[in-house]
PDB file of all heavy atoms in Angstrom:
ATOM      1  N   ARG A   1      31.797 139.652 176.278  1.00  0.00           N
ATOM      2  CA  ARG A   1      30.363 139.348 176.234  1.00  0.00           C
ATOM      3  C   ARG A   1      29.743 139.720 174.882  1.00  0.00           C
ATOM      4  O   ARG A   1      28.835 139.041 174.416  1.00  0.00           O
ATOM      5  CB  ARG A   1      29.621 140.108 177.333  1.00  0.00           C
ATOM      6  CG  ARG A   1      30.089 139.783 178.732  1.00  0.00           C
ATOM      7  CD  ARG A   1      29.179 140.406 179.794  1.00  0.00           C
ATOM      8  NE  ARG A   1      29.163 141.864 179.738  1.00  0.00           N
ATOM      9  CZ  ARG A   1      28.071 142.593 179.577  1.00  0.00           C
ATOM     10  NH1 ARG A   1      26.881 142.007 179.438  1.00  0.00           N
ATOM     11  NH2 ARG A   1      28.139 143.924 179.549  1.00  0.00           N
ATOM     12  N   PHE A   2      30.220 140.768 174.269  1.00  0.00           N
ATOM     13  CA  PHE A   2      29.669 141.248 173.000  1.00  0.00           C
ATOM     14  C   PHE A   2      30.658 140.971 171.875  1.00  0.00           C
ATOM     15  O   PHE A   2      31.875 141.047 172.069  1.00  0.00           O
ATOM     16  CB  PHE A   2      29.404 142.750 173.049  1.00  0.00           C
ATOM     17  CG  PHE A   2      28.270 143.184 173.945  1.00  0.00           C
ATOM     18  CD1 PHE A   2      27.674 142.320 174.851  1.00  0.00           C
ATOM     19  CD2 PHE A   2      27.800 144.495 173.890  1.00  0.00           C
ATOM     20  CE1 PHE A   2      26.640 142.723 175.678  1.00  0.00           C
ATOM     21  CE2 PHE A   2      26.774 144.923 174.706  1.00  0.00           C
ATOM     22  CZ  PHE A   2      26.192 144.026 175.607  1.00  0.00           C
ATOM     23  N   THR A   3      30.119 140.694 170.697  1.00  0.00           N
ATOM     24  CA  THR A   3      30.950 140.481 169.515  1.00  0.00           C
ATOM     25  C   THR A   3      30.347 141.237 168.342  1.00  0.00           C
ATOM     26  O   THR A   3      29.176 141.075 168.025  1.00  0.00           O
ATOM     27  CB  THR A   3      31.044 138.994 169.158  1.00  0.00           C
ATOM     28  OG1 THR A   3      31.561 138.268 170.274  1.00  0.00           O
ATOM     29  CG2 THR A   3      31.966 138.790 167.958  1.00  0.00           C
ATOM     30  N   ILE A   4      31.171 142.064 167.714  1.00  0.00           N
ATOM     31  CA  ILE A   4      30.734 142.800 166.536  1.00  0.00           C
ATOM     32  C   ILE A   4      31.239 142.089 165.284  1.00  0.00           C
ATOM     33  O   ILE A   4      32.343 141.526 165.281  1.00  0.00           O
ATOM     34  CB  ILE A   4      31.229 144.268 166.584  1.00  0.00           C
ATOM     35  CG1 ILE A   4      30.532 145.120 165.533  1.00  0.00           C
ATOM     36  CG2 ILE A   4      32.744 144.349 166.478  1.00  0.00           C
ATOM     37  CD1 ILE A   4      30.795 146.615 165.695  1.00  0.00           C
ATOM     38  N   SER A   5      30.430 142.109 164.236  1.00  0.00           N
ATOM     39  CA  SER A   5      30.841 141.504 162.970  1.00  0.00           C
ATOM     40  C   SER A   5      30.121 142.229 161.840  1.00  0.00           C
ATOM     41  O   SER A   5      29.183 143.002 162.079  1.00  0.00           O
ATOM     42  CB  SER A   5      30.502 140.008 162.954  1.00  0.00           C
ATOM     43  OG  SER A   5      29.099 139.808 163.066  1.00  0.00           O
ATOM     44  N   ARG A   6      30.584 141.978 160.635  1.00  0.00           N
ATOM     45  CA  ARG A   6      29.942 142.628 159.493  1.00  0.00           C
ATOM     46  C   ARG A   6      29.891 141.675 158.317  1.00  0.00           C
ATOM     47  O   ARG A   6      30.768 140.817 158.154  1.00  0.00           O
ATOM     48  CB  ARG A   6      30.661 143.917 159.118  1.00  0.00           C
ATOM     49  CG  ARG A   6      32.073 143.776 158.606  1.00  0.00           C
ATOM     50  CD  ARG A   6      32.739 145.155 158.513  1.00  0.00           C
ATOM     51  NE  ARG A   6      32.013 146.046 157.610  1.00  0.00           N
ATOM     52  CZ  ARG A   6      32.062 147.375 157.693  1.00  0.00           C
ATOM     53  NH1 ARG A   6      32.797 147.964 158.625  1.00  0.00           N
ATOM     54  NH2 ARG A   6      31.379 148.112 156.839  1.00  0.00           N
ATOM     55  N   ASP A   7      28.858 141.849 157.509  1.00  0.00           N
ATOM     56  CA  ASP A   7      28.711 141.110 156.270  1.00  0.00           C
ATOM     57  C   ASP A   7      28.490 142.163 155.195  1.00  0.00           C
ATOM     58  O   ASP A   7      27.364 142.617 154.979  1.00  0.00           O
ATOM     59  CB  ASP A   7      27.530 140.144 156.365  1.00  0.00           C
ATOM     60  CG  ASP A   7      27.392 139.245 155.158  1.00  0.00           C
ATOM     61  OD1 ASP A   7      27.949 139.600 154.092  1.00  0.00           O
ATOM     62  OD2 ASP A   7      26.737 138.205 155.256  1.00  0.00           O
ATOM     63  N   ASN A   8      29.551 142.558 154.543  1.00  0.00           N
ATOM     64  CA  ASN A   8      29.453 143.630 153.552  1.00  0.00           C
ATOM     65  C   ASN A   8      28.577 143.222 152.367  1.00  0.00           C
ATOM     66  O   ASN A   8      27.955 144.078 151.727  1.00  0.00           O
ATOM     67  CB  ASN A   8      30.834 144.055 153.084  1.00  0.00           C
ATOM     68  CG  ASN A   8      31.559 144.902 154.129  1.00  0.00           C
ATOM     69  OD1 ASN A   8      30.951 145.388 155.092  1.00  0.00           O
ATOM     70  ND2 ASN A   8      32.859 145.066 153.957  1.00  0.00           N
ATOM     71  N   ALA A   9      28.521 141.942 152.072  1.00  0.00           N
ATOM     72  CA  ALA A   9      27.666 141.477 150.977  1.00  0.00           C
ATOM     73  C   ALA A   9      26.196 141.731 151.288  1.00  0.00           C
ATOM     74  O   ALA A   9      25.385 141.962 150.377  1.00  0.00           O
ATOM     75  CB  ALA A   9      27.900 140.007 150.718  1.00  0.00           C
ATOM     76  N   LYS A  10      25.855 141.690 152.581  1.00  0.00           N
ATOM     77  CA  LYS A  10      24.481 141.956 152.998  1.00  0.00           C
ATOM     78  C   LYS A  10      24.296 143.401 153.465  1.00  0.00           C
ATOM     79  O   LYS A  10      23.215 143.775 153.897  1.00  0.00           O
ATOM     80  CB  LYS A  10      24.073 140.990 154.116  1.00  0.00           C
ATOM     81  CG  LYS A  10      23.998 139.544 153.671  1.00  0.00           C
ATOM     82  CD  LYS A  10      23.499 138.654 154.812  1.00  0.00           C
ATOM     83  CE  LYS A  10      23.368 137.204 154.346  1.00  0.00           C
ATOM     84  NZ  LYS A  10      22.881 136.315 155.428  1.00  0.00           N
ATOM     85  N   ASN A  11      25.404 144.162 153.397  1.00  0.00           N
ATOM     86  CA  ASN A  11      25.335 145.574 153.803  1.00  0.00           C
ATOM     87  C   ASN A  11      24.819 145.709 155.231  1.00  0.00           C
ATOM     88  O   ASN A  11      24.044 146.622 155.549  1.00  0.00           O
ATOM     89  CB  ASN A  11      24.437 146.363 152.843  1.00  0.00           C
ATOM     90  CG  ASN A  11      25.017 147.710 152.473  1.00  0.00           C
ATOM     91  OD1 ASN A  11      26.223 147.919 152.534  1.00  0.00           O
ATOM     92  ND2 ASN A  11      24.152 148.629 152.079  1.00  0.00           N
ATOM     93  N   THR A  12      25.305 144.825 156.096  1.00  0.00           N
ATOM     94  CA  THR A  12      24.784 144.748 157.459  1.00  0.00           C
ATOM     95  C   THR A  12      25.916 144.509 158.452  1.00  0.00           C
ATOM     96  O   THR A  12      26.876 143.791 158.154  1.00  0.00           O
ATOM     97  CB  THR A  12      23.748 143.618 157.588  1.00  0.00           C
ATOM     98  OG1 THR A  12      22.684 143.849 156.656  1.00  0.00           O
ATOM     99  CG2 THR A  12      23.165 143.561 158.990  1.00  0.00           C
ATOM    100  N   VAL A  13      25.782 145.127 159.609  1.00  0.00           N
ATOM    101  CA  VAL A  13      26.701 144.914 160.729  1.00  0.00           C
ATOM    102  C   VAL A  13      25.880 144.364 161.889  1.00  0.00           C
ATOM    103  O   VAL A  13      24.733 144.761 162.094  1.00  0.00           O
ATOM    104  CB  VAL A  13      27.409 146.218 161.114  1.00  0.00           C
ATOM    105  CG1 VAL A  13      28.239 146.043 162.378  1.00  0.00           C
ATOM    106  CG2 VAL A  13      28.291 146.700 159.969  1.00  0.00           C
ATOM    107  N   TYR A  14      26.492 143.468 162.651  1.00  0.00           N
ATOM    108  CA  TYR A  14      25.808 142.800 163.744  1.00  0.00           C
ATOM    109  C   TYR A  14      26.508 143.067 165.072  1.00  0.00           C
ATOM    110  O   TYR A  14      27.719 143.298 165.118  1.00  0.00           O
ATOM    111  CB  TYR A  14      25.777 141.290 163.505  1.00  0.00           C
ATOM    112  CG  TYR A  14      25.178 140.896 162.188  1.00  0.00           C
ATOM    113  CD1 TYR A  14      25.991 140.618 161.086  1.00  0.00           C
ATOM    114  CD2 TYR A  14      23.794 140.805 162.025  1.00  0.00           C
ATOM    115  CE1 TYR A  14      25.446 140.253 159.863  1.00  0.00           C
ATOM    116  CE2 TYR A  14      23.241 140.454 160.811  1.00  0.00           C
ATOM    117  CZ  TYR A  14      24.072 140.181 159.729  1.00  0.00           C
ATOM    118  OH  TYR A  14      23.529 139.829 158.520  1.00  0.00           O
ATOM    119  N   LEU A  15      25.719 142.991 166.125  1.00  0.00           N
ATOM    120  CA  LEU A  15      26.275 143.019 167.473  1.00  0.00           C
ATOM    121  C   LEU A  15      25.640 141.874 168.247  1.00  0.00           C
ATOM    122  O   LEU A  15      24.451 141.929 168.580  1.00  0.00           O
ATOM    123  CB  LEU A  15      25.996 144.355 168.169  1.00  0.00           C
ATOM    124  CG  LEU A  15      26.637 144.502 169.551  1.00  0.00           C
ATOM    125  CD1 LEU A  15      28.170 144.595 169.429  1.00  0.00           C
ATOM    126  CD2 LEU A  15      26.100 145.742 170.280  1.00  0.00           C
ATOM    127  N   GLN A  16      26.429 140.832 168.482  1.00  0.00           N
ATOM    128  CA  GLN A  16      25.974 139.696 169.280  1.00  0.00           C
ATOM    129  C   GLN A  16      26.227 140.017 170.740  1.00  0.00           C
ATOM    130  O   GLN A  16      27.376 140.273 171.122  1.00  0.00           O
ATOM    131  CB  GLN A  16      26.708 138.428 168.872  1.00  0.00           C
ATOM    132  CG  GLN A  16      26.340 137.205 169.689  1.00  0.00           C
ATOM    133  CD  GLN A  16      24.903 136.756 169.467  1.00  0.00           C
ATOM    134  OE1 GLN A  16      24.433 136.714 168.325  1.00  0.00           O
ATOM    135  NE2 GLN A  16      24.205 136.414 170.536  1.00  0.00           N
ATOM    136  N   MET A  17      25.176 139.990 171.538  1.00  0.00           N
ATOM    137  CA  MET A  17      25.288 140.348 172.942  1.00  0.00           C
ATOM    138  C   MET A  17      24.916 139.144 173.795  1.00  0.00           C
ATOM    139  O   MET A  17      23.770 138.682 173.743  1.00  0.00           O
ATOM    140  CB  MET A  17      24.368 141.534 173.265  1.00  0.00           C
ATOM    141  CG  MET A  17      24.591 142.738 172.358  1.00  0.00           C
ATOM    142  SD  MET A  17      23.649 144.185 172.867  1.00  0.00           S
ATOM    143  CE  MET A  17      21.977 143.598 172.667  1.00  0.00           C
ATOM    144  N   ASN A  18      25.867 138.649 174.541  1.00  0.00           N
ATOM    145  CA  ASN A  18      25.652 137.496 175.413  1.00  0.00           C
ATOM    146  C   ASN A  18      25.829 137.914 176.872  1.00  0.00           C
ATOM    147  O   ASN A  18      26.383 138.966 177.166  1.00  0.00           O
ATOM    148  CB  ASN A  18      26.642 136.386 175.078  1.00  0.00           C
ATOM    149  CG  ASN A  18      26.485 135.871 173.664  1.00  0.00           C
ATOM    150  OD1 ASN A  18      25.392 135.853 173.102  1.00  0.00           O
ATOM    151  ND2 ASN A  18      27.593 135.442 173.072  1.00  0.00           N
ATOM    152  N   SER A  19      25.359 137.055 177.766  1.00  0.00           N
ATOM    153  CA  SER A  19      25.497 137.300 179.208  1.00  0.00           C
ATOM    154  C   SER A  19      25.032 138.701 179.569  1.00  0.00           C
ATOM    155  O   SER A  19      25.720 139.434 180.297  1.00  0.00           O
ATOM    156  CB  SER A  19      26.949 137.087 179.639  1.00  0.00           C
ATOM    157  OG  SER A  19      27.390 135.784 179.325  1.00  0.00           O
ATOM    158  N   LEU A  20      23.881 139.057 179.075  1.00  0.00           N
ATOM    159  CA  LEU A  20      23.388 140.415 179.278  1.00  0.00           C
ATOM    160  C   LEU A  20      23.090 140.694 180.747  1.00  0.00           C
ATOM    161  O   LEU A  20      22.660 139.810 181.494  1.00  0.00           O
ATOM    162  CB  LEU A  20      22.143 140.652 178.425  1.00  0.00           C
ATOM    163  CG  LEU A  20      22.445 140.887 176.943  1.00  0.00           C
ATOM    164  CD1 LEU A  20      21.221 140.651 176.086  1.00  0.00           C
ATOM    165  CD2 LEU A  20      22.982 142.296 176.735  1.00  0.00           C
ATOM    166  N   LYS A  21      23.334 141.941 181.119  1.00  0.00           N
ATOM    167  CA  LYS A  21      23.141 142.401 182.492  1.00  0.00           C
ATOM    168  C   LYS A  21      22.124 143.547 182.510  1.00  0.00           C
ATOM    169  O   LYS A  21      21.961 144.242 181.496  1.00  0.00           O
ATOM    170  CB  LYS A  21      24.465 142.910 183.054  1.00  0.00           C
ATOM    171  CG  LYS A  21      25.608 141.916 183.003  1.00  0.00           C
ATOM    172  CD  LYS A  21      26.903 142.557 183.473  1.00  0.00           C
ATOM    173  CE  LYS A  21      28.067 141.587 183.405  1.00  0.00           C
ATOM    174  NZ  LYS A  21      29.347 142.214 183.865  1.00  0.00           N
ATOM    175  N   PRO A  22      21.482 143.782 183.622  1.00  0.00           N
ATOM    176  CA  PRO A  22      20.546 144.910 183.696  1.00  0.00           C
ATOM    177  C   PRO A  22      21.181 146.235 183.302  1.00  0.00           C
ATOM    178  O   PRO A  22      20.512 147.088 182.703  1.00  0.00           O
ATOM    179  CB  PRO A  22      20.121 144.902 185.171  1.00  0.00           C
ATOM    180  CG  PRO A  22      20.228 143.472 185.581  1.00  0.00           C
ATOM    181  CD  PRO A  22      21.439 142.957 184.838  1.00  0.00           C
ATOM    182  N   GLU A  23      22.452 146.409 183.589  1.00  0.00           N
ATOM    183  CA  GLU A  23      23.117 147.658 183.232  1.00  0.00           C
ATOM    184  C   GLU A  23      23.368 147.806 181.736  1.00  0.00           C
ATOM    185  O   GLU A  23      23.823 148.863 181.288  1.00  0.00           O
ATOM    186  CB  GLU A  23      24.439 147.812 183.999  1.00  0.00           C
ATOM    187  CG  GLU A  23      25.360 146.617 183.922  1.00  0.00           C
ATOM    188  CD  GLU A  23      25.225 145.697 185.123  1.00  0.00           C
ATOM    189  OE1 GLU A  23      24.072 145.415 185.542  1.00  0.00           O
ATOM    190  OE2 GLU A  23      26.281 145.245 185.628  1.00  0.00           O
ATOM    191  N   ASP A  24      23.072 146.776 180.960  1.00  0.00           N
ATOM    192  CA  ASP A  24      23.147 146.896 179.497  1.00  0.00           C
ATOM    193  C   ASP A  24      21.878 147.516 178.923  1.00  0.00           C
ATOM    194  O   ASP A  24      21.820 147.796 177.716  1.00  0.00           O
ATOM    195  CB  ASP A  24      23.367 145.526 178.855  1.00  0.00           C
ATOM    196  CG  ASP A  24      24.711 144.916 179.204  1.00  0.00           C
ATOM    197  OD1 ASP A  24      25.719 145.654 179.203  1.00  0.00           O
ATOM    198  OD2 ASP A  24      24.752 143.702 179.488  1.00  0.00           O
ATOM    199  N   THR A  25      20.886 147.717 179.752  1.00  0.00           N
ATOM    200  CA  THR A  25      19.640 148.315 179.292  1.00  0.00           C
ATOM    201  C   THR A  25      19.877 149.724 178.754  1.00  0.00           C
ATOM    202  O   THR A  25      20.450 150.569 179.434  1.00  0.00           O
ATOM    203  CB  THR A  25      18.617 148.368 180.442  1.00  0.00           C
ATOM    204  OG1 THR A  25      18.283 147.033 180.830  1.00  0.00           O
ATOM    205  CG2 THR A  25      17.354 149.103 180.025  1.00  0.00           C
ATOM    206  N   ALA A  26      19.448 149.938 177.515  1.00  0.00           N
ATOM    207  CA  ALA A  26      19.663 151.226 176.852  1.00  0.00           C
ATOM    208  C   ALA A  26      19.047 151.182 175.464  1.00  0.00           C
ATOM    209  O   ALA A  26      18.642 150.115 174.984  1.00  0.00           O
ATOM    210  CB  ALA A  26      21.151 151.533 176.736  1.00  0.00           C
ATOM    211  N   VAL A  27      19.010 152.325 174.825  1.00  0.00           N
ATOM    212  CA  VAL A  27      18.731 152.377 173.391  1.00  0.00           C
ATOM    213  C   VAL A  27      20.077 152.227 172.680  1.00  0.00           C
ATOM    214  O   VAL A  27      21.029 152.950 172.991  1.00  0.00           O
ATOM    215  CB  VAL A  27      18.044 153.690 172.985  1.00  0.00           C
ATOM    216  CG1 VAL A  27      17.841 153.729 171.469  1.00  0.00           C
ATOM    217  CG2 VAL A  27      16.719 153.844 173.715  1.00  0.00           C
TER     218      VAL A  27
END
């Protein structure tokens, strides 16, 4: 459901979260 990726040129890391569920609720 989740995919992590990074773009070092942008100095940024991403977390794509799909099919989210209520139990994913968090900080």
